[in-house]
Protein backbone atom coordinates (compact mmCIF):
# COMPACT_ATOMS: atom_id res chain seq x y z
CA MET A 1 88.51 91.96 121.05
CA LYS A 2 92.16 92.61 120.30
CA ARG A 3 94.51 91.38 123.03
CA LYS A 4 96.73 94.02 124.65
CA SER A 5 100.46 93.70 124.15
CA THR A 6 102.54 92.23 126.95
CA ASN A 7 105.87 92.94 125.24
CA TYR A 8 108.26 94.75 127.59
CA THR A 9 111.57 94.13 125.75
CA GLY A 10 111.95 97.73 124.53
CA ALA A 11 111.47 100.93 126.53
CA ASP A 12 108.64 101.93 124.14
CA SER A 13 107.11 98.47 123.65
CA GLY A 14 103.35 98.05 123.60
CA GLY A 15 103.24 96.39 127.00
CA TRP A 16 104.64 99.54 128.64
CA LEU A 17 102.15 101.74 126.75
CA ASN A 18 99.22 99.61 127.95
CA LYS A 19 100.41 99.61 131.56
CA CYS A 20 100.94 103.41 131.47
CA ASP A 21 97.45 104.00 130.07
CA ASP A 22 95.92 101.69 132.65
CA LEU A 23 97.77 103.34 135.53
CA PHE A 24 97.13 106.93 134.40
CA LEU A 25 93.47 106.52 133.51
CA ALA A 26 92.67 104.60 136.72
CA ARG A 27 92.47 107.90 138.58
CA TYR A 28 89.55 108.98 136.37
CA ARG A 29 87.52 105.72 136.23
CA GLY A 30 84.25 105.90 138.14
CA LYS A 31 84.47 109.64 138.81
CA PRO A 32 81.50 111.94 138.04
CA CYS A 33 80.92 112.90 134.39
CA ILE A 34 81.60 116.61 133.87
CA ILE A 35 78.33 116.94 131.94
CA CYS A 36 75.74 114.95 133.91
CA GLY A 37 77.53 113.74 137.06
CA ALA A 38 76.93 110.03 136.34
CA LYS A 39 79.67 107.64 137.43
CA HIS A 40 78.39 104.63 135.45
CA GLY A 41 76.29 103.83 132.44
CA ASN A 42 75.34 100.91 130.21
CA ASP A 43 76.95 99.74 127.02
CA ASN A 44 75.19 96.82 125.33
CA GLY A 45 73.66 95.80 128.64
CA GLN A 46 76.97 95.90 130.52
CA LYS A 47 77.61 98.30 133.40
CA VAL A 48 80.49 100.58 132.37
CA SER A 49 82.31 103.16 134.51
CA SER A 50 82.91 106.75 133.52
CA CYS A 51 86.41 107.32 132.17
CA GLY A 52 88.94 109.95 131.18
CA HIS A 53 88.58 111.54 127.75
CA HIS A 54 91.66 113.10 126.13
CA LEU A 55 90.88 116.58 124.78
CA ILE A 56 93.89 116.28 122.46
CA PHE A 57 93.61 112.76 121.05
CA LYS A 58 96.21 110.48 122.64
CA GLY A 59 96.77 108.51 119.42
CA ASN A 60 97.88 111.65 117.61
CA CYS A 61 99.80 113.36 120.39
CA ARG A 62 102.13 111.47 122.69
CA LYS A 63 103.28 114.71 124.35
CA PHE A 64 100.02 115.16 126.28
CA ARG A 65 98.92 111.52 126.64
CA TYR A 66 99.54 111.62 130.40
CA GLU A 67 98.83 115.30 131.05
CA PRO A 68 95.99 115.79 133.59
CA MET A 69 94.91 119.07 131.89
CA ASN A 70 94.20 116.98 128.79
CA ILE A 71 91.62 114.84 130.61
CA VAL A 72 87.94 115.36 131.33
CA VAL A 73 85.75 112.64 132.85
CA LEU A 74 82.80 111.47 130.78
CA CYS A 75 80.16 108.82 131.43
CA PRO A 76 79.66 106.17 128.73
CA TYR A 77 76.71 108.10 127.24
CA HIS A 78 78.61 111.38 126.83
CA HIS A 79 81.70 109.53 125.56
CA SER A 80 79.66 107.66 122.94
CA HIS A 81 79.89 107.83 119.14
CA TRP A 82 76.10 107.48 119.04
CA ASN A 83 75.22 110.44 121.26
CA PRO A 84 73.41 113.05 119.11
CA GLU A 85 73.29 115.71 121.86
CA ILE A 86 76.73 116.38 123.36
CA SER A 87 79.78 114.19 122.87
CA PRO A 88 83.34 114.71 121.61
CA HIS A 89 83.05 111.48 119.56
CA SER A 90 79.55 111.81 118.09
CA THR A 91 79.38 110.45 114.57
CA VAL A 92 75.64 111.01 114.25
CA ASN A 93 75.64 114.77 114.79
CA THR A 94 78.63 117.09 114.38
CA MET A 95 76.76 119.68 116.46
CA ALA A 96 77.20 117.32 119.43
CA GLN A 97 80.97 117.77 119.10
CA LEU A 98 80.56 121.56 118.98
CA ARG A 99 78.29 121.50 122.02
CA PHE A 100 80.93 119.47 123.88
CA ALA A 101 83.61 122.09 123.12
CA GLU A 102 81.25 124.89 124.20
CA PHE A 103 80.46 123.02 127.41
CA VAL A 104 84.15 122.70 128.27
CA LYS A 105 84.68 126.38 127.41
CA LYS A 106 81.85 127.50 129.70
CA HIS A 107 82.28 125.11 132.65
CA HIS A 108 86.04 124.38 132.57
CA PRO A 109 87.58 127.57 131.14
CA LYS A 110 91.16 126.87 132.34
CA GLN A 111 91.15 123.47 130.66
CA TYR A 112 89.55 124.91 127.54
CA LEU A 113 92.25 127.59 127.26
CA TRP A 114 94.96 124.94 127.78
CA TRP A 115 93.31 122.75 125.11
CA LYS A 116 93.17 125.57 122.55
CA ALA A 117 96.72 126.74 123.33
CA ASN A 118 98.09 123.24 122.76
CA GLU A 119 95.91 121.77 120.02
CA HIS A 120 98.55 122.62 117.40
CA TYR A 121 100.45 119.62 118.84
CA ALA A 122 97.56 117.33 117.91
CA HIS A 123 99.29 115.84 114.87
CA LYS A 124 102.81 115.52 116.23
CA PRO A 125 102.67 111.93 117.44
CA PHE A 126 106.24 111.13 118.34
CA ASP A 127 107.64 113.09 121.24
CA LYS A 128 110.81 111.40 122.45
CA GLU A 129 111.10 113.35 125.73
CA TRP A 130 110.36 110.09 127.57
CA THR A 131 109.83 106.38 127.01
CA TYR A 132 106.80 104.45 128.18
CA ARG A 133 109.00 102.52 130.63
CA GLU A 134 110.16 105.84 132.17
CA MET A 135 106.61 107.18 132.20
CA TYR A 136 105.38 104.05 133.97
CA GLU A 137 107.70 104.84 136.87
CA ARG A 138 106.74 108.55 136.84
CA LEU A 139 103.09 107.55 137.10
CA GLY A 140 103.84 105.49 140.22
CA GLY A 141 104.48 102.04 138.76
CA THR A 142 107.33 99.83 139.93
CA ILE A 143 109.58 97.84 137.63
CA GLU A 144 112.26 95.24 138.19
CA THR A 145 114.62 92.95 136.32
CA LYS A 146 115.94 89.65 137.54
CA THR A 147 118.90 89.67 135.15
CA GLY A 148 119.94 93.34 135.22
CA LYS A 149 119.29 93.66 131.47
CA TYR A 150 117.03 96.41 130.16
CA LYS A 151 115.15 93.98 127.95
CA ASP A 152 114.14 91.98 131.03
CA TYR A 153 112.46 94.82 132.95
CA LYS A 154 108.84 94.09 133.84
CA PRO A 155 106.17 95.90 135.86
CA ILE A 156 105.58 94.50 139.34
CA ASN A 157 102.56 94.95 141.62
CA HIS A 158 100.67 96.66 138.79
CA ALA A 159 97.21 95.91 140.24
CA LYS A 160 98.23 97.52 143.54
CA ALA A 161 99.52 100.63 141.72
CA VAL A 162 96.22 100.89 139.81
CA ARG A 163 94.22 100.61 143.05
CA GLU A 164 96.34 103.34 144.61
CA ALA A 165 95.93 105.55 141.52
CA SER A 166 92.15 105.11 141.54
CA ALA A 167 92.13 106.27 145.17
CA TYR A 168 94.17 109.32 144.10
CA ASN A 169 91.13 111.61 143.70
């Protein structure tokens, strides 16, 4: 498994991105799946929690990476590439992707309308309205520097911030 970056020297370094993702998505981990209500599932024999799925793919659209309207909670089964029934990631049946979109449209119409109104941003990856360091603070993280230099800023008490975020809902 690829190791996550711990580089915090630049405001948009990979370490900040990883900490932001962790902090933002913590509020969705272990919540009920919008499709079946499950909070956990199995993946290769391991117990895995439900998680937040980005309607507009986060890798292609920085603008909505941390937008709550862009998130729906899915259990591991409904978030799987191997689900032939209903999943946004199904690679075994494209109808499963269509059924997922129809499910969101029927059961979460406000989110569906937001998704469709904003999907034209899906391939505009670099939105410089904020940096990951700034976003980390907006999401509730705390940072500090011992030298006063920007390149020396680091997150502090990250685990506590994640626990607080997971208690958010």
